[in-house]
């Protein structure tokens, strides 16, 4: 198990992509801190991690990434419980599919505060501990809409463009061993996607989780600051 002894915070870990990432990292032996606003969902993810049987320790912490004090507590509790932090997965996200002129100020705030300010808070408080390790990972879940504009998703696109810019800038700031990446999936079969679209996309949360896992492993070779696109499930040869 290549992540044995490492500790990972996963925001938005109660369901969808975040849950799949928690399970993928746990299968490689990482200790997992699951953060999200829904206590019931993060407790269920914690039980799923425990059932893997890899020996991973797990902690579920109800956290709103838009709240600075709650994020500060998330990181503090992580260090108290596990003594270290090696991996930060900024996955929590929000979206509304509306034309810009129909988007309310409240919807704008929800998108930008979750998708951008949440990453700012989590990274700000996690960074000192990650830098101590010297070879940690920060992985921000962006989207293909962070590279290409899309109608009725102007605010969501703006937030994901910001995530990619933040990723590239932070990679320059930290340099050295700490690697910073953005993962940019196409549509993923999640509750958030189905709140906006009626079709069924090809990607599953597990497809994104596999890509995240490869970036967390010691042999990852992509330059820090890279944005990695995920278009479709890999073809499995039998």
C-alpha atoms as a PDB file:
ATOM      1  CA  UNK A   1       0.000   0.000   0.000  1.00  0.00           C
ATOM      2  CA  UNK A   2       1.750   3.057  -1.328  1.00  0.00           C
ATOM      3  CA  UNK A   3       0.093   5.674   0.910  1.00  0.00           C
ATOM      4  CA  UNK A   4       0.427   3.811   4.214  1.00  0.00           C
ATOM      5  CA  UNK A   5       1.149   6.259   7.034  1.00  0.00           C
ATOM      6  CA  UNK A   6      -0.007   9.293   5.076  1.00  0.00           C
ATOM      7  CA  UNK A   7      -2.965  11.452   6.070  1.00  0.00           C
ATOM      8  CA  UNK A   8      -5.437  12.994   3.622  1.00  0.00           C
ATOM      9  CA  UNK A   9      -8.210  15.565   4.029  1.00  0.00           C
ATOM     10  CA  UNK A  10     -10.985  15.228   1.442  1.00  0.00           C
ATOM     11  CA  UNK A  11     -13.588  18.000   1.319  1.00  0.00           C
ATOM     12  CA  UNK A  12     -17.001  17.218  -0.107  1.00  0.00           C
ATOM     13  CA  UNK A  13     -16.291  13.651   0.975  1.00  0.00           C
ATOM     14  CA  UNK A  14     -19.833  12.648   1.838  1.00  0.00           C
ATOM     15  CA  UNK A  15     -20.869  11.487  -1.620  1.00  0.00           C
ATOM     16  CA  UNK A  16     -20.035  11.443  -5.321  1.00  0.00           C
ATOM     17  CA  UNK A  17     -16.485  12.226  -6.365  1.00  0.00           C
ATOM     18  CA  UNK A  18     -15.362  12.994  -2.822  1.00  0.00           C
ATOM     19  CA  UNK A  19     -16.555   9.661  -1.471  1.00  0.00           C
ATOM     20  CA  UNK A  20     -14.887   7.792  -4.337  1.00  0.00           C
ATOM     21  CA  UNK A  21     -11.613   9.615  -3.614  1.00  0.00           C
ATOM     22  CA  UNK A  22     -11.796   8.725   0.086  1.00  0.00           C
ATOM     23  CA  UNK A  23     -12.189   5.041  -0.785  1.00  0.00           C
ATOM     24  CA  UNK A  24      -9.426   5.082  -3.425  1.00  0.00           C
ATOM     25  CA  UNK A  25      -6.908   6.657  -1.047  1.00  0.00           C
ATOM     26  CA  UNK A  26      -7.918   4.341   1.794  1.00  0.00           C
ATOM     27  CA  UNK A  27      -7.326   1.267  -0.375  1.00  0.00           C
ATOM     28  CA  UNK A  28      -3.713   2.438  -0.641  1.00  0.00           C
ATOM     29  CA  UNK A  29      -3.499   2.711   3.151  1.00  0.00           C
ATOM     30  CA  UNK A  30      -3.943   6.462   3.727  1.00  0.00           C
ATOM     31  CA  UNK A  31      -5.670   7.733   6.858  1.00  0.00           C
ATOM     32  CA  UNK A  32      -8.711   9.749   5.784  1.00  0.00           C
ATOM     33  CA  UNK A  33     -10.387  12.861   7.173  1.00  0.00           C
ATOM     34  CA  UNK A  34     -13.795  13.262   5.546  1.00  0.00           C
ATOM     35  CA  UNK A  35     -15.180  16.802   5.533  1.00  0.00           C
ATOM     36  CA  UNK A  36     -18.605  17.959   4.338  1.00  0.00           C
ATOM     37  CA  UNK A  37     -21.706  19.729   5.627  1.00  0.00           C
ATOM     38  CA  UNK A  38     -23.905  16.621   5.793  1.00  0.00           C
ATOM     39  CA  UNK A  39     -23.028  14.645   8.916  1.00  0.00           C
ATOM     40  CA  UNK A  40     -25.020  11.570   7.920  1.00  0.00           C
ATOM     41  CA  UNK A  41     -23.244  11.297   4.564  1.00  0.00           C
ATOM     42  CA  UNK A  42     -19.720  11.651   5.946  1.00  0.00           C
ATOM     43  CA  UNK A  43     -20.429   9.048   8.616  1.00  0.00           C
ATOM     44  CA  UNK A  44     -21.575   6.640   5.908  1.00  0.00           C
ATOM     45  CA  UNK A  45     -18.383   7.300   3.934  1.00  0.00           C
ATOM     46  CA  UNK A  46     -16.408   6.633   7.121  1.00  0.00           C
ATOM     47  CA  UNK A  47     -18.114   3.253   7.526  1.00  0.00           C
ATOM     48  CA  UNK A  48     -17.287   2.413   3.911  1.00  0.00           C
ATOM     49  CA  UNK A  49     -13.625   3.270   4.517  1.00  0.00           C
ATOM     50  CA  UNK A  50     -13.563   1.039   7.591  1.00  0.00           C
ATOM     51  CA  UNK A  51     -15.064  -1.863   5.634  1.00  0.00           C
ATOM     52  CA  UNK A  52     -12.164  -1.783   3.167  1.00  0.00           C
ATOM     53  CA  UNK A  53     -10.020  -3.438   5.820  1.00  0.00           C
ATOM     54  CA  UNK A  54      -6.758  -1.715   4.834  1.00  0.00           C
ATOM     55  CA  UNK A  55      -6.111  -0.508   8.369  1.00  0.00           C
ATOM     56  CA  UNK A  56      -6.747   3.111   7.424  1.00  0.00           C
ATOM     57  CA  UNK A  57      -7.865   5.300  10.279  1.00  0.00           C
ATOM     58  CA  UNK A  58     -10.775   7.596   9.515  1.00  0.00           C
ATOM     59  CA  UNK A  59     -12.284  10.741  11.001  1.00  0.00           C
ATOM     60  CA  UNK A  60     -15.530  12.362   9.828  1.00  0.00           C
ATOM     61  CA  UNK A  61     -15.745  16.091  10.581  1.00  0.00           C
ATOM     62  CA  UNK A  62     -18.803  18.128   9.698  1.00  0.00           C
ATOM     63  CA  UNK A  63     -17.371  21.185   7.949  1.00  0.00           C
ATOM     64  CA  UNK A  64     -18.622  24.015   5.779  1.00  0.00           C
ATOM     65  CA  UNK A  65     -15.620  25.068   3.705  1.00  0.00           C
ATOM     66  CA  UNK A  66     -17.153  28.532   3.322  1.00  0.00           C
ATOM     67  CA  UNK A  67     -16.688  29.100   7.063  1.00  0.00           C
ATOM     68  CA  UNK A  68     -13.137  30.066   7.976  1.00  0.00           C
ATOM     69  CA  UNK A  69     -13.373  28.993  11.614  1.00  0.00           C
ATOM     70  CA  UNK A  70     -14.766  25.581  10.682  1.00  0.00           C
ATOM     71  CA  UNK A  71     -11.897  25.057   8.224  1.00  0.00           C
ATOM     72  CA  UNK A  72      -9.369  26.120  10.835  1.00  0.00           C
ATOM     73  CA  UNK A  73     -10.910  23.568  13.193  1.00  0.00           C
ATOM     74  CA  UNK A  74     -10.819  20.878  10.478  1.00  0.00           C
ATOM     75  CA  UNK A  75      -7.080  21.235  10.036  1.00  0.00           C
ATOM     76  CA  UNK A  76      -6.426  21.567  13.766  1.00  0.00           C
ATOM     77  CA  UNK A  77      -8.426  18.413  14.546  1.00  0.00           C
ATOM     78  CA  UNK A  78      -6.571  16.552  11.808  1.00  0.00           C
ATOM     79  CA  UNK A  79      -3.184  17.382  13.336  1.00  0.00           C
ATOM     80  CA  UNK A  80      -4.418  16.550  16.845  1.00  0.00           C
ATOM     81  CA  UNK A  81      -5.745  13.169  15.732  1.00  0.00           C
ATOM     82  CA  UNK A  82      -3.036  12.047  13.299  1.00  0.00           C
ATOM     83  CA  UNK A  83      -0.048  14.304  13.928  1.00  0.00           C
ATOM     84  CA  UNK A  84       0.529  15.070  10.250  1.00  0.00           C
ATOM     85  CA  UNK A  85      -1.054  16.106   6.967  1.00  0.00           C
ATOM     86  CA  UNK A  86       0.249  14.887   3.611  1.00  0.00           C
ATOM     87  CA  UNK A  87      -2.602  15.281   1.111  1.00  0.00           C
ATOM     88  CA  UNK A  88      -5.327  17.904   0.688  1.00  0.00           C
ATOM     89  CA  UNK A  89      -8.117  17.196  -1.801  1.00  0.00           C
ATOM     90  CA  UNK A  90     -10.211  20.316  -2.404  1.00  0.00           C
ATOM     91  CA  UNK A  91     -13.323  18.704  -3.854  1.00  0.00           C
ATOM     92  CA  UNK A  92     -16.313  20.504  -2.302  1.00  0.00           C
ATOM     93  CA  UNK A  93     -18.276  22.270  -5.020  1.00  0.00           C
ATOM     94  CA  UNK A  94     -21.510  24.022  -5.951  1.00  0.00           C
ATOM     95  CA  UNK A  95     -23.199  24.893  -9.238  1.00  0.00           C
ATOM     96  CA  UNK A  96     -26.372  26.408 -10.679  1.00  0.00           C
ATOM     97  CA  UNK A  97     -27.235  26.126 -14.361  1.00  0.00           C
ATOM     98  CA  UNK A  98     -28.746  29.488 -15.287  1.00  0.00           C
ATOM     99  CA  UNK A  99     -28.175  32.345 -17.646  1.00  0.00           C
ATOM    100  CA  UNK A 100     -26.100  35.069 -16.017  1.00  0.00           C
ATOM    101  CA  UNK A 101     -29.006  37.551 -15.985  1.00  0.00           C
ATOM    102  CA  UNK A 102     -31.154  34.997 -14.118  1.00  0.00           C
ATOM    103  CA  UNK A 103     -28.506  34.211 -11.496  1.00  0.00           C
ATOM    104  CA  UNK A 104     -29.240  35.665  -8.071  1.00  0.00           C
ATOM    105  CA  UNK A 105     -26.647  37.219  -5.801  1.00  0.00           C
ATOM    106  CA  UNK A 106     -27.231  34.360  -3.358  1.00  0.00           C
ATOM    107  CA  UNK A 107     -26.500  31.773  -6.068  1.00  0.00           C
ATOM    108  CA  UNK A 108     -23.385  33.679  -7.122  1.00  0.00           C
ATOM    109  CA  UNK A 109     -22.169  33.736  -3.524  1.00  0.00           C
ATOM    110  CA  UNK A 110     -22.843  30.022  -3.041  1.00  0.00           C
ATOM    111  CA  UNK A 111     -20.827  29.092  -6.127  1.00  0.00           C
ATOM    112  CA  UNK A 112     -17.881  31.417  -5.570  1.00  0.00           C
ATOM    113  CA  UNK A 113     -17.703  30.938  -1.799  1.00  0.00           C
ATOM    114  CA  UNK A 114     -17.738  27.145  -2.095  1.00  0.00           C
ATOM    115  CA  UNK A 115     -15.614  26.670  -5.205  1.00  0.00           C
ATOM    116  CA  UNK A 116     -13.039  29.418  -4.659  1.00  0.00           C
ATOM    117  CA  UNK A 117     -13.116  30.772  -1.116  1.00  0.00           C
ATOM    118  CA  UNK A 118     -13.411  27.214   0.240  1.00  0.00           C
ATOM    119  CA  UNK A 119     -10.196  26.225  -1.534  1.00  0.00           C
ATOM    120  CA  UNK A 120      -8.535  29.407  -0.273  1.00  0.00           C
ATOM    121  CA  UNK A 121      -9.446  28.656   3.350  1.00  0.00           C
ATOM    122  CA  UNK A 122      -8.512  24.969   3.207  1.00  0.00           C
ATOM    123  CA  UNK A 123      -5.218  25.603   1.461  1.00  0.00           C
ATOM    124  CA  UNK A 124      -4.286  28.531   3.695  1.00  0.00           C
ATOM    125  CA  UNK A 125      -4.619  26.511   6.897  1.00  0.00           C
ATOM    126  CA  UNK A 126      -3.324  23.214   5.534  1.00  0.00           C
ATOM    127  CA  UNK A 127      -0.293  24.644   3.769  1.00  0.00           C
ATOM    128  CA  UNK A 128       2.041  25.090   6.774  1.00  0.00           C
ATOM    129  CA  UNK A 129       1.567  21.424   7.713  1.00  0.00           C
ATOM    130  CA  UNK A 130       1.930  20.194   4.131  1.00  0.00           C
ATOM    131  CA  UNK A 131       5.161  22.134   3.690  1.00  0.00           C
ATOM    132  CA  UNK A 132       6.578  20.437   6.773  1.00  0.00           C
ATOM    133  CA  UNK A 133       6.276  17.086   4.992  1.00  0.00           C
ATOM    134  CA  UNK A 134       8.232  18.340   2.000  1.00  0.00           C
ATOM    135  CA  UNK A 135       6.584  16.040  -0.547  1.00  0.00           C
ATOM    136  CA  UNK A 136       2.855  16.459  -0.033  1.00  0.00           C
ATOM    137  CA  UNK A 137       0.026  16.932  -2.506  1.00  0.00           C
ATOM    138  CA  UNK A 138      -2.715  19.518  -3.021  1.00  0.00           C
ATOM    139  CA  UNK A 139      -5.269  18.433  -5.612  1.00  0.00           C
ATOM    140  CA  UNK A 140      -8.045  20.823  -6.579  1.00  0.00           C
ATOM    141  CA  UNK A 141     -11.073  19.397  -8.362  1.00  0.00           C
ATOM    142  CA  UNK A 142     -11.837  21.823 -11.162  1.00  0.00           C
ATOM    143  CA  UNK A 143     -13.737  20.912 -14.372  1.00  0.00           C
ATOM    144  CA  UNK A 144     -13.446  21.125 -18.137  1.00  0.00           C
ATOM    145  CA  UNK A 145     -15.600  24.244 -17.697  1.00  0.00           C
ATOM    146  CA  UNK A 146     -12.537  25.758 -16.040  1.00  0.00           C
ATOM    147  CA  UNK A 147     -10.868  25.755 -19.453  1.00  0.00           C
ATOM    148  CA  UNK A 148     -13.777  26.395 -21.812  1.00  0.00           C
ATOM    149  CA  UNK A 149     -16.796  28.623 -21.282  1.00  0.00           C
ATOM    150  CA  UNK A 150     -20.255  27.062 -21.402  1.00  0.00           C
ATOM    151  CA  UNK A 151     -23.701  28.686 -21.772  1.00  0.00           C
ATOM    152  CA  UNK A 152     -25.842  28.893 -18.630  1.00  0.00           C
ATOM    153  CA  UNK A 153     -22.761  28.082 -16.510  1.00  0.00           C
ATOM    154  CA  UNK A 154     -21.034  31.456 -16.508  1.00  0.00           C
ATOM    155  CA  UNK A 155     -20.565  31.668 -12.732  1.00  0.00           C
ATOM    156  CA  UNK A 156     -19.568  28.015 -12.437  1.00  0.00           C
ATOM    157  CA  UNK A 157     -17.054  28.471 -15.270  1.00  0.00           C
ATOM    158  CA  UNK A 158     -15.700  31.617 -13.623  1.00  0.00           C
ATOM    159  CA  UNK A 159     -15.152  29.718 -10.382  1.00  0.00           C
ATOM    160  CA  UNK A 160     -13.386  26.811 -12.082  1.00  0.00           C
ATOM    161  CA  UNK A 161     -11.191  29.119 -14.177  1.00  0.00           C
ATOM    162  CA  UNK A 162     -10.214  30.633 -10.819  1.00  0.00           C
ATOM    163  CA  UNK A 163      -9.379  27.201  -9.416  1.00  0.00           C
ATOM    164  CA  UNK A 164      -6.977  26.506 -12.287  1.00  0.00           C
ATOM    165  CA  UNK A 165      -5.345  29.918 -11.916  1.00  0.00           C
ATOM    166  CA  UNK A 166      -4.984  29.393  -8.178  1.00  0.00           C
ATOM    167  CA  UNK A 167      -3.428  25.972  -8.788  1.00  0.00           C
ATOM    168  CA  UNK A 168      -0.845  27.301 -11.227  1.00  0.00           C
ATOM    169  CA  UNK A 169       0.033  30.280  -9.032  1.00  0.00           C
ATOM    170  CA  UNK A 170       0.346  28.218  -5.861  1.00  0.00           C
ATOM    171  CA  UNK A 171       2.663  25.763  -7.600  1.00  0.00           C
ATOM    172  CA  UNK A 172       5.033  28.673  -8.313  1.00  0.00           C
ATOM    173  CA  UNK A 173       4.715  29.942  -4.742  1.00  0.00           C
ATOM    174  CA  UNK A 174       5.538  26.694  -2.951  1.00  0.00           C
ATOM    175  CA  UNK A 175       8.023  25.171  -5.405  1.00  0.00           C
ATOM    176  CA  UNK A 176      10.103  22.198  -4.312  1.00  0.00           C
ATOM    177  CA  UNK A 177       8.566  18.935  -3.236  1.00  0.00           C
ATOM    178  CA  UNK A 178       4.964  19.952  -2.554  1.00  0.00           C
ATOM    179  CA  UNK A 179       3.023  19.184  -5.738  1.00  0.00           C
ATOM    180  CA  UNK A 180      -0.147  21.075  -6.683  1.00  0.00           C
ATOM    181  CA  UNK A 181      -2.551  19.842  -9.358  1.00  0.00           C
ATOM    182  CA  UNK A 182      -5.995  20.594 -10.783  1.00  0.00           C
ATOM    183  CA  UNK A 183      -8.147  17.728 -12.038  1.00  0.00           C
ATOM    184  CA  UNK A 184     -10.635  18.739 -14.727  1.00  0.00           C
ATOM    185  CA  UNK A 185     -13.287  16.106 -15.405  1.00  0.00           C
ATOM    186  CA  UNK A 186     -16.024  16.233 -17.999  1.00  0.00           C
ATOM    187  CA  UNK A 187     -19.559  15.532 -16.766  1.00  0.00           C
ATOM    188  CA  UNK A 188     -19.627  13.005 -13.913  1.00  0.00           C
ATOM    189  CA  UNK A 189     -22.560  10.854 -12.807  1.00  0.00           C
ATOM    190  CA  UNK A 190     -23.238  12.662  -9.510  1.00  0.00           C
ATOM    191  CA  UNK A 191     -26.159  14.314  -7.731  1.00  0.00           C
ATOM    192  CA  UNK A 192     -24.778  17.744  -8.614  1.00  0.00           C
ATOM    193  CA  UNK A 193     -24.668  16.886 -12.326  1.00  0.00           C
ATOM    194  CA  UNK A 194     -28.211  15.512 -12.278  1.00  0.00           C
ATOM    195  CA  UNK A 195     -29.475  18.667 -10.574  1.00  0.00           C
ATOM    196  CA  UNK A 196     -28.632  20.449 -13.841  1.00  0.00           C
ATOM    197  CA  UNK A 197     -28.900  17.846 -16.621  1.00  0.00           C
ATOM    198  CA  UNK A 198     -31.208  14.924 -17.411  1.00  0.00           C
ATOM    199  CA  UNK A 199     -28.761  12.760 -19.378  1.00  0.00           C
ATOM    200  CA  UNK A 200     -26.353  10.203 -17.919  1.00  0.00           C
ATOM    201  CA  UNK A 201     -22.681  11.110 -18.428  1.00  0.00           C
ATOM    202  CA  UNK A 202     -20.029   8.519 -19.230  1.00  0.00           C
ATOM    203  CA  UNK A 203     -17.754   9.333 -16.308  1.00  0.00           C
ATOM    204  CA  UNK A 204     -18.311   7.808 -12.888  1.00  0.00           C
ATOM    205  CA  UNK A 205     -16.931   9.231  -9.627  1.00  0.00           C
ATOM    206  CA  UNK A 206     -14.514   6.293  -9.515  1.00  0.00           C
ATOM    207  CA  UNK A 207     -12.959   7.379 -12.829  1.00  0.00           C
ATOM    208  CA  UNK A 208     -12.053  10.751 -11.330  1.00  0.00           C
ATOM    209  CA  UNK A 209     -10.868   9.110  -8.110  1.00  0.00           C
ATOM    210  CA  UNK A 210      -8.464   6.895 -10.064  1.00  0.00           C
ATOM    211  CA  UNK A 211      -6.886   9.956 -11.660  1.00  0.00           C
ATOM    212  CA  UNK A 212      -6.589  11.684  -8.293  1.00  0.00           C
ATOM    213  CA  UNK A 213      -4.957   8.586  -6.821  1.00  0.00           C
ATOM    214  CA  UNK A 214      -2.314   8.476  -9.553  1.00  0.00           C
ATOM    215  CA  UNK A 215      -1.367  12.067  -8.723  1.00  0.00           C
ATOM    216  CA  UNK A 216      -1.026  11.218  -5.031  1.00  0.00           C
ATOM    217  CA  UNK A 217       1.317   8.277  -5.544  1.00  0.00           C
ATOM    218  CA  UNK A 218       5.077   8.749  -5.081  1.00  0.00           C
ATOM    219  CA  UNK A 219       5.802   7.908  -8.733  1.00  0.00           C
ATOM    220  CA  UNK A 220       3.626  10.739 -10.118  1.00  0.00           C
ATOM    221  CA  UNK A 221       5.747  12.668 -12.634  1.00  0.00           C
ATOM    222  CA  UNK A 222       3.533  15.488 -13.909  1.00  0.00           C
ATOM    223  CA  UNK A 223       4.963  18.977 -13.265  1.00  0.00           C
ATOM    224  CA  UNK A 224       3.421  20.792 -10.324  1.00  0.00           C
ATOM    225  CA  UNK A 225       0.746  23.241 -11.466  1.00  0.00           C
ATOM    226  CA  UNK A 226      -0.565  20.909 -14.179  1.00  0.00           C
ATOM    227  CA  UNK A 227      -4.268  20.699 -15.018  1.00  0.00           C
ATOM    228  CA  UNK A 228      -5.255  17.123 -15.832  1.00  0.00           C
ATOM    229  CA  UNK A 229      -8.333  16.528 -17.971  1.00  0.00           C
ATOM    230  CA  UNK A 230     -10.552  13.471 -17.499  1.00  0.00           C
ATOM    231  CA  UNK A 231     -12.839  12.860 -20.461  1.00  0.00           C
ATOM    232  CA  UNK A 232     -14.100   9.300 -20.374  1.00  0.00           C
ATOM    233  CA  UNK A 233     -13.583   6.020 -18.532  1.00  0.00           C
ATOM    234  CA  UNK A 234     -10.448   4.111 -19.518  1.00  0.00           C
ATOM    235  CA  UNK A 235     -10.968   1.205 -21.907  1.00  0.00           C
ATOM    236  CA  UNK A 236     -10.558  -2.047 -19.983  1.00  0.00           C
ATOM    237  CA  UNK A 237      -9.022  -4.895 -21.960  1.00  0.00           C
ATOM    238  CA  UNK A 238     -10.147  -8.367 -20.875  1.00  0.00           C
END
